[in-house]
mmCIF file of all heavy atoms, coordinates in Angstrom:
data_MODEL
# 
_entry.id   MODEL 
# 
loop_
_atom_site.group_PDB 
_atom_site.id 
_atom_site.type_symbol 
_atom_site.label_atom_id 
_atom_site.label_alt_id 
_atom_site.label_comp_id 
_atom_site.label_asym_id 
_atom_site.label_entity_id 
_atom_site.label_seq_id 
_atom_site.pdbx_PDB_ins_code 
_atom_site.Cartn_x 
_atom_site.Cartn_y 
_atom_site.Cartn_z 
_atom_site.occupancy 
_atom_site.B_iso_or_equiv 
_atom_site.pdbx_formal_charge 
_atom_site.auth_seq_id 
_atom_site.auth_comp_id 
_atom_site.auth_asym_id 
_atom_site.auth_atom_id 
_atom_site.pdbx_PDB_model_num 
ATOM 1   N N   . ARG A 1 1  ? -5.932  11.747  2.138  1.00 0.00 ? 1  ARG A N   1 
ATOM 2   C CA  . ARG A 1 1  ? -5.498  12.393  3.329  1.00 0.00 ? 1  ARG A CA  1 
ATOM 3   C C   . ARG A 1 1  ? -3.934  12.161  3.575  1.00 0.00 ? 1  ARG A C   1 
ATOM 4   O O   . ARG A 1 1  ? -3.177  13.099  3.857  1.00 0.00 ? 1  ARG A O   1 
ATOM 5   C CB  . ARG A 1 1  ? -6.282  11.992  4.470  1.00 0.00 ? 1  ARG A CB  1 
ATOM 6   C CG  . ARG A 1 1  ? -5.801  12.428  5.824  1.00 0.00 ? 1  ARG A CG  1 
ATOM 7   C CD  . ARG A 1 1  ? -6.525  11.587  6.881  1.00 0.00 ? 1  ARG A CD  1 
ATOM 8   N NE  . ARG A 1 1  ? -5.957  11.704  8.275  1.00 0.00 ? 1  ARG A NE  1 
ATOM 9   C CZ  . ARG A 1 1  ? -6.213  11.142  9.331  1.00 0.00 ? 1  ARG A CZ  1 
ATOM 10  N NH1 . ARG A 1 1  ? -6.998  10.005  9.191  1.00 0.00 ? 1  ARG A NH1 1 
ATOM 11  N NH2 . ARG A 1 1  ? -5.583  11.367  10.505 1.00 0.00 ? 1  ARG A NH2 1 
ATOM 12  N N   . PHE A 1 2  ? -3.525  10.885  3.432  1.00 0.00 ? 2  PHE A N   1 
ATOM 13  C CA  . PHE A 1 2  ? -2.162  10.578  3.690  1.00 0.00 ? 2  PHE A CA  1 
ATOM 14  C C   . PHE A 1 2  ? -1.224  11.185  2.731  1.00 0.00 ? 2  PHE A C   1 
ATOM 15  O O   . PHE A 1 2  ? -0.151  11.738  2.988  1.00 0.00 ? 2  PHE A O   1 
ATOM 16  C CB  . PHE A 1 2  ? -2.039  9.067   3.782  1.00 0.00 ? 2  PHE A CB  1 
ATOM 17  C CG  . PHE A 1 2  ? -2.267  8.383   5.151  1.00 0.00 ? 2  PHE A CG  1 
ATOM 18  C CD1 . PHE A 1 2  ? -3.607  8.159   5.530  1.00 0.00 ? 2  PHE A CD1 1 
ATOM 19  C CD2 . PHE A 1 2  ? -1.321  8.173   6.045  1.00 0.00 ? 2  PHE A CD2 1 
ATOM 20  C CE1 . PHE A 1 2  ? -3.823  7.704   6.810  1.00 0.00 ? 2  PHE A CE1 1 
ATOM 21  C CE2 . PHE A 1 2  ? -1.470  7.634   7.263  1.00 0.00 ? 2  PHE A CE2 1 
ATOM 22  C CZ  . PHE A 1 2  ? -2.805  7.404   7.692  1.00 0.00 ? 2  PHE A CZ  1 
ATOM 23  N N   . GLU A 1 3  ? -1.681  11.112  1.385  1.00 0.00 ? 3  GLU A N   1 
ATOM 24  C CA  . GLU A 1 3  ? -0.948  11.779  0.348  1.00 0.00 ? 3  GLU A CA  1 
ATOM 25  C C   . GLU A 1 3  ? -0.618  13.214  0.660  1.00 0.00 ? 3  GLU A C   1 
ATOM 26  O O   . GLU A 1 3  ? 0.316   13.744  0.415  1.00 0.00 ? 3  GLU A O   1 
ATOM 27  C CB  . GLU A 1 3  ? -1.556  11.512  -0.993 1.00 0.00 ? 3  GLU A CB  1 
ATOM 28  C CG  . GLU A 1 3  ? -1.371  10.067  -1.418 1.00 0.00 ? 3  GLU A CG  1 
ATOM 29  C CD  . GLU A 1 3  ? -2.048  9.781   -2.780 1.00 0.00 ? 3  GLU A CD  1 
ATOM 30  O OE1 . GLU A 1 3  ? -2.911  10.481  -3.153 1.00 0.00 ? 3  GLU A OE1 1 
ATOM 31  O OE2 . GLU A 1 3  ? -1.702  8.704   -3.436 1.00 0.00 ? 3  GLU A OE2 1 
ATOM 32  N N   . ALA A 1 4  ? -1.761  13.840  1.114  1.00 0.00 ? 4  ALA A N   1 
ATOM 33  C CA  . ALA A 1 4  ? -1.682  15.400  1.320  1.00 0.00 ? 4  ALA A CA  1 
ATOM 34  C C   . ALA A 1 4  ? -0.634  15.670  2.464  1.00 0.00 ? 4  ALA A C   1 
ATOM 35  O O   . ALA A 1 4  ? -0.112  16.661  2.585  1.00 0.00 ? 4  ALA A O   1 
ATOM 36  C CB  . ALA A 1 4  ? -3.025  15.878  1.610  1.00 0.00 ? 4  ALA A CB  1 
ATOM 37  N N   . ALA A 1 5  ? -0.529  14.702  3.310  1.00 0.00 ? 5  ALA A N   1 
ATOM 38  C CA  . ALA A 1 5  ? 0.458   14.831  4.419  1.00 0.00 ? 5  ALA A CA  1 
ATOM 39  C C   . ALA A 1 5  ? 1.887   14.421  4.094  1.00 0.00 ? 5  ALA A C   1 
ATOM 40  O O   . ALA A 1 5  ? 2.666   14.393  4.999  1.00 0.00 ? 5  ALA A O   1 
ATOM 41  C CB  . ALA A 1 5  ? -0.016  14.102  5.704  1.00 0.00 ? 5  ALA A CB  1 
ATOM 42  N N   . GLY A 1 6  ? 2.110   14.012  2.844  1.00 0.00 ? 6  GLY A N   1 
ATOM 43  C CA  . GLY A 1 6  ? 3.390   13.764  2.404  1.00 0.00 ? 6  GLY A CA  1 
ATOM 44  C C   . GLY A 1 6  ? 3.702   12.264  2.511  1.00 0.00 ? 6  GLY A C   1 
ATOM 45  O O   . GLY A 1 6  ? 5.009   11.784  2.476  1.00 0.00 ? 6  GLY A O   1 
ATOM 46  N N   . TRP A 1 7  ? 2.850   11.355  2.625  1.00 0.00 ? 7  TRP A N   1 
ATOM 47  C CA  . TRP A 1 7  ? 2.997   9.953   2.584  1.00 0.00 ? 7  TRP A CA  1 
ATOM 48  C C   . TRP A 1 7  ? 2.794   9.287   1.324  1.00 0.00 ? 7  TRP A C   1 
ATOM 49  O O   . TRP A 1 7  ? 2.144   9.794   0.395  1.00 0.00 ? 7  TRP A O   1 
ATOM 50  C CB  . TRP A 1 7  ? 1.940   9.294   3.513  1.00 0.00 ? 7  TRP A CB  1 
ATOM 51  C CG  . TRP A 1 7  ? 2.229   9.540   5.043  1.00 0.00 ? 7  TRP A CG  1 
ATOM 52  C CD1 . TRP A 1 7  ? 2.201   10.775  5.637  1.00 0.00 ? 7  TRP A CD1 1 
ATOM 53  C CD2 . TRP A 1 7  ? 2.192   8.527   6.058  1.00 0.00 ? 7  TRP A CD2 1 
ATOM 54  N NE1 . TRP A 1 7  ? 2.396   10.537  6.943  1.00 0.00 ? 7  TRP A NE1 1 
ATOM 55  C CE2 . TRP A 1 7  ? 2.379   9.281   7.301  1.00 0.00 ? 7  TRP A CE2 1 
ATOM 56  C CE3 . TRP A 1 7  ? 2.136   7.127   6.133  1.00 0.00 ? 7  TRP A CE3 1 
ATOM 57  C CZ2 . TRP A 1 7  ? 2.454   8.461   8.473  1.00 0.00 ? 7  TRP A CZ2 1 
ATOM 58  C CZ3 . TRP A 1 7  ? 2.262   6.428   7.290  1.00 0.00 ? 7  TRP A CZ3 1 
ATOM 59  C CH2 . TRP A 1 7  ? 2.491   7.149   8.454  1.00 0.00 ? 7  TRP A CH2 1 
ATOM 60  N N   . ASP A 1 8  ? 3.428   8.191   1.101  1.00 0.00 ? 8  ASP A N   1 
ATOM 61  C CA  . ASP A 1 8  ? 3.100   7.259   -0.044 1.00 0.00 ? 8  ASP A CA  1 
ATOM 62  C C   . ASP A 1 8  ? 1.952   6.400   0.346  1.00 0.00 ? 8  ASP A C   1 
ATOM 63  O O   . ASP A 1 8  ? 1.936   5.836   1.489  1.00 0.00 ? 8  ASP A O   1 
ATOM 64  C CB  . ASP A 1 8  ? 4.311   6.302   -0.406 1.00 0.00 ? 8  ASP A CB  1 
ATOM 65  C CG  . ASP A 1 8  ? 3.986   5.531   -1.605 1.00 0.00 ? 8  ASP A CG  1 
ATOM 66  O OD1 . ASP A 1 8  ? 4.239   6.043   -2.611 1.00 0.00 ? 8  ASP A OD1 1 
ATOM 67  O OD2 . ASP A 1 8  ? 3.675   4.277   -1.461 1.00 0.00 ? 8  ASP A OD2 1 
ATOM 68  N N   . ALA A 1 9  ? 0.847   6.414   -0.369 1.00 0.00 ? 9  ALA A N   1 
ATOM 69  C CA  . ALA A 1 9  ? -0.361  5.698   0.021  1.00 0.00 ? 9  ALA A CA  1 
ATOM 70  C C   . ALA A 1 9  ? -1.037  4.875   -1.076 1.00 0.00 ? 9  ALA A C   1 
ATOM 71  O O   . ALA A 1 9  ? -1.015  5.389   -2.304 1.00 0.00 ? 9  ALA A O   1 
ATOM 72  C CB  . ALA A 1 9  ? -1.406  6.727   0.608  1.00 0.00 ? 9  ALA A CB  1 
ATOM 73  N N   . THR A 1 10 ? -1.526  3.798   -0.845 1.00 0.00 ? 10 THR A N   1 
ATOM 74  C CA  . THR A 1 10 ? -2.105  2.892   -1.798 1.00 0.00 ? 10 THR A CA  1 
ATOM 75  C C   . THR A 1 10 ? -3.167  2.005   -1.103 1.00 0.00 ? 10 THR A C   1 
ATOM 76  O O   . THR A 1 10 ? -3.282  1.851   0.032  1.00 0.00 ? 10 THR A O   1 
ATOM 77  C CB  . THR A 1 10 ? -1.103  2.077   -2.591 1.00 0.00 ? 10 THR A CB  1 
ATOM 78  O OG1 . THR A 1 10 ? -1.620  1.353   -3.595 1.00 0.00 ? 10 THR A OG1 1 
ATOM 79  C CG2 . THR A 1 10 ? -0.497  0.985   -1.536 1.00 0.00 ? 10 THR A CG2 1 
ATOM 80  N N   . ARG A 1 11 ? -3.929  1.517   -1.863 1.00 0.00 ? 11 ARG A N   1 
ATOM 81  C CA  . ARG A 1 11 ? -5.132  0.546   -1.496 1.00 0.00 ? 11 ARG A CA  1 
ATOM 82  C C   . ARG A 1 11 ? -4.953  -0.770  -2.172 1.00 0.00 ? 11 ARG A C   1 
ATOM 83  O O   . ARG A 1 11 ? -4.707  -0.906  -3.324 1.00 0.00 ? 11 ARG A O   1 
ATOM 84  C CB  . ARG A 1 11 ? -6.437  1.145   -1.726 1.00 0.00 ? 11 ARG A CB  1 
ATOM 85  C CG  . ARG A 1 11 ? -7.596  0.212   -1.247 1.00 0.00 ? 11 ARG A CG  1 
ATOM 86  C CD  . ARG A 1 11 ? -8.996  0.930   -1.233 1.00 0.00 ? 11 ARG A CD  1 
ATOM 87  N NE  . ARG A 1 11 ? -9.160  1.634   -0.050 1.00 0.00 ? 11 ARG A NE  1 
ATOM 88  C CZ  . ARG A 1 11 ? -9.235  2.993   -0.044 1.00 0.00 ? 11 ARG A CZ  1 
ATOM 89  N NH1 . ARG A 1 11 ? -9.110  3.762   -1.177 1.00 0.00 ? 11 ARG A NH1 1 
ATOM 90  N NH2 . ARG A 1 11 ? -9.396  3.629   1.144  1.00 0.00 ? 11 ARG A NH2 1 
ATOM 91  N N   . ILE A 1 12 ? -5.068  -1.882  -1.442 1.00 0.00 ? 12 ILE A N   1 
ATOM 92  C CA  . ILE A 1 12 ? -4.943  -3.250  -1.999 1.00 0.00 ? 12 ILE A CA  1 
ATOM 93  C C   . ILE A 1 12 ? -5.963  -4.181  -1.446 1.00 0.00 ? 12 ILE A C   1 
ATOM 94  O O   . ILE A 1 12 ? -6.724  -3.819  -0.434 1.00 0.00 ? 12 ILE A O   1 
ATOM 95  C CB  . ILE A 1 12 ? -3.556  -3.856  -1.609 1.00 0.00 ? 12 ILE A CB  1 
ATOM 96  C CG1 . ILE A 1 12 ? -3.414  -3.910  -0.033 1.00 0.00 ? 12 ILE A CG1 1 
ATOM 97  C CG2 . ILE A 1 12 ? -2.410  -3.066  -2.152 1.00 0.00 ? 12 ILE A CG2 1 
ATOM 98  C CD1 . ILE A 1 12 ? -2.215  -4.831  0.369  1.00 0.00 ? 12 ILE A CD1 1 
ATOM 99  N N   . ASP A 1 13 ? -6.055  -5.326  -1.884 1.00 0.00 ? 13 ASP A N   1 
ATOM 100 C CA  . ASP A 1 13 ? -7.013  -6.334  -1.408 1.00 0.00 ? 13 ASP A CA  1 
ATOM 101 C C   . ASP A 1 13 ? -6.206  -7.086  -0.215 1.00 0.00 ? 13 ASP A C   1 
ATOM 102 O O   . ASP A 1 13 ? -5.160  -7.675  -0.438 1.00 0.00 ? 13 ASP A O   1 
ATOM 103 C CB  . ASP A 1 13 ? -7.278  -7.383  -2.562 1.00 0.00 ? 13 ASP A CB  1 
ATOM 104 C CG  . ASP A 1 13 ? -8.182  -8.630  -2.018 1.00 0.00 ? 13 ASP A CG  1 
ATOM 105 O OD1 . ASP A 1 13 ? -8.429  -8.659  -0.736 1.00 0.00 ? 13 ASP A OD1 1 
ATOM 106 O OD2 . ASP A 1 13 ? -8.445  -9.474  -2.854 1.00 0.00 ? 13 ASP A OD2 1 
ATOM 107 N N   . GLY A 1 14 ? -6.660  -6.908  0.907  1.00 0.00 ? 14 GLY A N   1 
ATOM 108 C CA  . GLY A 1 14 ? -5.950  -7.349  2.200  1.00 0.00 ? 14 GLY A CA  1 
ATOM 109 C C   . GLY A 1 14 ? -6.108  -8.874  2.285  1.00 0.00 ? 14 GLY A C   1 
ATOM 110 O O   . GLY A 1 14 ? -5.627  -9.484  3.270  1.00 0.00 ? 14 GLY A O   1 
ATOM 111 N N   . HIS A 1 15 ? -6.834  -9.593  1.435  1.00 0.00 ? 15 HIS A N   1 
ATOM 112 C CA  . HIS A 1 15 ? -6.762  -11.018 1.381  1.00 0.00 ? 15 HIS A CA  1 
ATOM 113 C C   . HIS A 1 15 ? -5.973  -11.655 0.288  1.00 0.00 ? 15 HIS A C   1 
ATOM 114 O O   . HIS A 1 15 ? -6.133  -12.803 0.066  1.00 0.00 ? 15 HIS A O   1 
ATOM 115 C CB  . HIS A 1 15 ? -8.220  -11.516 1.414  1.00 0.00 ? 15 HIS A CB  1 
ATOM 116 C CG  . HIS A 1 15 ? -9.070  -10.931 2.559  1.00 0.00 ? 15 HIS A CG  1 
ATOM 117 N ND1 . HIS A 1 15 ? -8.740  -11.266 3.828  1.00 0.00 ? 15 HIS A ND1 1 
ATOM 118 C CD2 . HIS A 1 15 ? -10.131 -10.227 2.624  1.00 0.00 ? 15 HIS A CD2 1 
ATOM 119 C CE1 . HIS A 1 15 ? -9.601  -10.661 4.651  1.00 0.00 ? 15 HIS A CE1 1 
ATOM 120 N NE2 . HIS A 1 15 ? -10.453 -10.109 3.894  1.00 0.00 ? 15 HIS A NE2 1 
ATOM 121 N N   . ASP A 1 16 ? -5.203  -10.781 -0.445 1.00 0.00 ? 16 ASP A N   1 
ATOM 122 C CA  . ASP A 1 16 ? -4.471  -11.299 -1.553 1.00 0.00 ? 16 ASP A CA  1 
ATOM 123 C C   . ASP A 1 16 ? -2.989  -11.189 -1.142 1.00 0.00 ? 16 ASP A C   1 
ATOM 124 O O   . ASP A 1 16 ? -2.373  -10.115 -1.167 1.00 0.00 ? 16 ASP A O   1 
ATOM 125 C CB  . ASP A 1 16 ? -4.661  -10.417 -2.791 1.00 0.00 ? 16 ASP A CB  1 
ATOM 126 C CG  . ASP A 1 16 ? -3.818  -10.842 -3.914 1.00 0.00 ? 16 ASP A CG  1 
ATOM 127 O OD1 . ASP A 1 16 ? -2.915  -11.627 -3.839 1.00 0.00 ? 16 ASP A OD1 1 
ATOM 128 O OD2 . ASP A 1 16 ? -4.155  -10.307 -5.109 1.00 0.00 ? 16 ASP A OD2 1 
ATOM 129 N N   . PRO A 1 17 ? -2.391  -12.346 -0.779 1.00 0.00 ? 17 PRO A N   1 
ATOM 130 C CA  . PRO A 1 17 ? -0.972  -12.410 -0.265 1.00 0.00 ? 17 PRO A CA  1 
ATOM 131 C C   . PRO A 1 17 ? -0.041  -11.770 -1.244 1.00 0.00 ? 17 PRO A C   1 
ATOM 132 O O   . PRO A 1 17 ? 0.910   -11.139 -0.842 1.00 0.00 ? 17 PRO A O   1 
ATOM 133 C CB  . PRO A 1 17 ? -0.692  -13.951 -0.027 1.00 0.00 ? 17 PRO A CB  1 
ATOM 134 C CG  . PRO A 1 17 ? -2.060  -14.583 0.216  1.00 0.00 ? 17 PRO A CG  1 
ATOM 135 C CD  . PRO A 1 17 ? -2.987  -13.743 -0.713 1.00 0.00 ? 17 PRO A CD  1 
ATOM 136 N N   . ALA A 1 18 ? -0.246  -11.929 -2.574 1.00 0.00 ? 18 ALA A N   1 
ATOM 137 C CA  . ALA A 1 18 ? 0.745   -11.404 -3.512 1.00 0.00 ? 18 ALA A CA  1 
ATOM 138 C C   . ALA A 1 18 ? 0.746   -9.885  -3.501 1.00 0.00 ? 18 ALA A C   1 
ATOM 139 O O   . ALA A 1 18 ? 1.679   -9.133  -3.464 1.00 0.00 ? 18 ALA A O   1 
ATOM 140 C CB  . ALA A 1 18 ? 0.478   -11.957 -4.944 1.00 0.00 ? 18 ALA A CB  1 
ATOM 141 N N   . ALA A 1 19 ? -0.529  -9.394  -3.455 1.00 0.00 ? 19 ALA A N   1 
ATOM 142 C CA  . ALA A 1 19 ? -0.729  -7.809  -3.396 1.00 0.00 ? 19 ALA A CA  1 
ATOM 143 C C   . ALA A 1 19 ? -0.208  -7.299  -2.131 1.00 0.00 ? 19 ALA A C   1 
ATOM 144 O O   . ALA A 1 19 ? 0.502   -6.180  -2.176 1.00 0.00 ? 19 ALA A O   1 
ATOM 145 C CB  . ALA A 1 19 ? -2.146  -7.571  -3.586 1.00 0.00 ? 19 ALA A CB  1 
ATOM 146 N N   . ILE A 1 20 ? -0.375  -8.083  -1.000 1.00 0.00 ? 20 ILE A N   1 
ATOM 147 C CA  . ILE A 1 20 ? 0.175   -7.509  0.218  1.00 0.00 ? 20 ILE A CA  1 
ATOM 148 C C   . ILE A 1 20 ? 1.794   -7.400  0.185  1.00 0.00 ? 20 ILE A C   1 
ATOM 149 O O   . ILE A 1 20 ? 2.312   -6.507  0.562  1.00 0.00 ? 20 ILE A O   1 
ATOM 150 C CB  . ILE A 1 20 ? -0.342  -8.427  1.414  1.00 0.00 ? 20 ILE A CB  1 
ATOM 151 C CG1 . ILE A 1 20 ? -1.796  -8.464  1.537  1.00 0.00 ? 20 ILE A CG1 1 
ATOM 152 C CG2 . ILE A 1 20 ? 0.388   -8.118  2.696  1.00 0.00 ? 20 ILE A CG2 1 
ATOM 153 C CD1 . ILE A 1 20 ? -2.394  -9.606  2.352  1.00 0.00 ? 20 ILE A CD1 1 
ATOM 154 N N   . ALA A 1 21 ? 2.339   -8.463  -0.274 1.00 0.00 ? 21 ALA A N   1 
ATOM 155 C CA  . ALA A 1 21 ? 3.753   -8.626  -0.349 1.00 0.00 ? 21 ALA A CA  1 
ATOM 156 C C   . ALA A 1 21 ? 4.355   -7.559  -1.332 1.00 0.00 ? 21 ALA A C   1 
ATOM 157 O O   . ALA A 1 21 ? 5.336   -6.802  -0.988 1.00 0.00 ? 21 ALA A O   1 
ATOM 158 C CB  . ALA A 1 21 ? 4.169   -10.009 -0.818 1.00 0.00 ? 21 ALA A CB  1 
ATOM 159 N N   . SER A 1 22 ? 3.641   -7.356  -2.393 1.00 0.00 ? 22 SER A N   1 
ATOM 160 C CA  . SER A 1 22 ? 4.132   -6.332  -3.398 1.00 0.00 ? 22 SER A CA  1 
ATOM 161 C C   . SER A 1 22 ? 4.040   -4.959  -2.764 1.00 0.00 ? 22 SER A C   1 
ATOM 162 O O   . SER A 1 22 ? 4.949   -4.119  -2.968 1.00 0.00 ? 22 SER A O   1 
ATOM 163 C CB  . SER A 1 22 ? 3.321   -6.417  -4.625 1.00 0.00 ? 22 SER A CB  1 
ATOM 164 O OG  . SER A 1 22 ? 3.717   -5.323  -5.578 1.00 0.00 ? 22 SER A OG  1 
ATOM 165 N N   . ALA A 1 23 ? 2.934   -4.649  -2.088 1.00 0.00 ? 23 ALA A N   1 
ATOM 166 C CA  . ALA A 1 23 ? 2.788   -3.338  -1.479 1.00 0.00 ? 23 ALA A CA  1 
ATOM 167 C C   . ALA A 1 23 ? 3.812   -3.040  -0.358 1.00 0.00 ? 23 ALA A C   1 
ATOM 168 O O   . ALA A 1 23 ? 4.316   -1.950  -0.318 1.00 0.00 ? 23 ALA A O   1 
ATOM 169 C CB  . ALA A 1 23 ? 1.429   -3.126  -0.935 1.00 0.00 ? 23 ALA A CB  1 
ATOM 170 N N   . ILE A 1 24 ? 4.134   -4.043  0.414  1.00 0.00 ? 24 ILE A N   1 
ATOM 171 C CA  . ILE A 1 24 ? 5.032   -3.755  1.516  1.00 0.00 ? 24 ILE A CA  1 
ATOM 172 C C   . ILE A 1 24 ? 6.463   -3.664  0.905  1.00 0.00 ? 24 ILE A C   1 
ATOM 173 O O   . ILE A 1 24 ? 7.175   -2.723  1.354  1.00 0.00 ? 24 ILE A O   1 
ATOM 174 C CB  . ILE A 1 24 ? 5.147   -4.901  2.531  1.00 0.00 ? 24 ILE A CB  1 
ATOM 175 C CG1 . ILE A 1 24 ? 3.732   -4.952  3.176  1.00 0.00 ? 24 ILE A CG1 1 
ATOM 176 C CG2 . ILE A 1 24 ? 6.226   -4.875  3.542  1.00 0.00 ? 24 ILE A CG2 1 
ATOM 177 C CD1 . ILE A 1 24 ? 3.582   -6.209  4.252  1.00 0.00 ? 24 ILE A CD1 1 
ATOM 178 N N   . ALA A 1 25 ? 6.849   -4.461  -0.050 1.00 0.00 ? 25 ALA A N   1 
ATOM 179 C CA  . ALA A 1 25 ? 8.050   -4.292  -0.899 1.00 0.00 ? 25 ALA A CA  1 
ATOM 180 C C   . ALA A 1 25 ? 8.231   -3.010  -1.358 1.00 0.00 ? 25 ALA A C   1 
ATOM 181 O O   . ALA A 1 25 ? 9.311   -2.366  -1.296 1.00 0.00 ? 25 ALA A O   1 
ATOM 182 C CB  . ALA A 1 25 ? 8.239   -5.452  -1.887 1.00 0.00 ? 25 ALA A CB  1 
ATOM 183 N N   . HIS A 1 26 ? 7.158   -2.495  -1.953 1.00 0.00 ? 26 HIS A N   1 
ATOM 184 C CA  . HIS A 1 26 ? 7.272   -1.108  -2.602 1.00 0.00 ? 26 HIS A CA  1 
ATOM 185 C C   . HIS A 1 26 ? 7.495   -0.050  -1.558 1.00 0.00 ? 26 HIS A C   1 
ATOM 186 O O   . HIS A 1 26 ? 8.273   0.977   -1.684 1.00 0.00 ? 26 HIS A O   1 
ATOM 187 C CB  . HIS A 1 26 ? 6.068   -0.779  -3.340 1.00 0.00 ? 26 HIS A CB  1 
ATOM 188 C CG  . HIS A 1 26 ? 5.945   0.698   -3.755 1.00 0.00 ? 26 HIS A CG  1 
ATOM 189 N ND1 . HIS A 1 26 ? 6.637   1.272   -4.806 1.00 0.00 ? 26 HIS A ND1 1 
ATOM 190 C CD2 . HIS A 1 26 ? 5.154   1.723   -3.293 1.00 0.00 ? 26 HIS A CD2 1 
ATOM 191 C CE1 . HIS A 1 26 ? 6.435   2.489   -4.829 1.00 0.00 ? 26 HIS A CE1 1 
ATOM 192 N NE2 . HIS A 1 26 ? 5.459   2.763   -3.909 1.00 0.00 ? 26 HIS A NE2 1 
ATOM 193 N N   . ALA A 1 27 ? 6.709   -0.218  -0.429 1.00 0.00 ? 27 ALA A N   1 
ATOM 194 C CA  . ALA A 1 27 ? 6.836   0.741   0.767  1.00 0.00 ? 27 ALA A CA  1 
ATOM 195 C C   . ALA A 1 27 ? 8.289   0.905   1.273  1.00 0.00 ? 27 ALA A C   1 
ATOM 196 O O   . ALA A 1 27 ? 8.679   1.941   1.661  1.00 0.00 ? 27 ALA A O   1 
ATOM 197 C CB  . ALA A 1 27 ? 5.928   0.435   1.915  1.00 0.00 ? 27 ALA A CB  1 
# 
């Protein structure tokens, strides 16, 4: 849905600090 609206979208493990940091840095 978000990608169709022109967003960058991804799914991560919300309890993995490294994955959270990597996703925000990419955003």
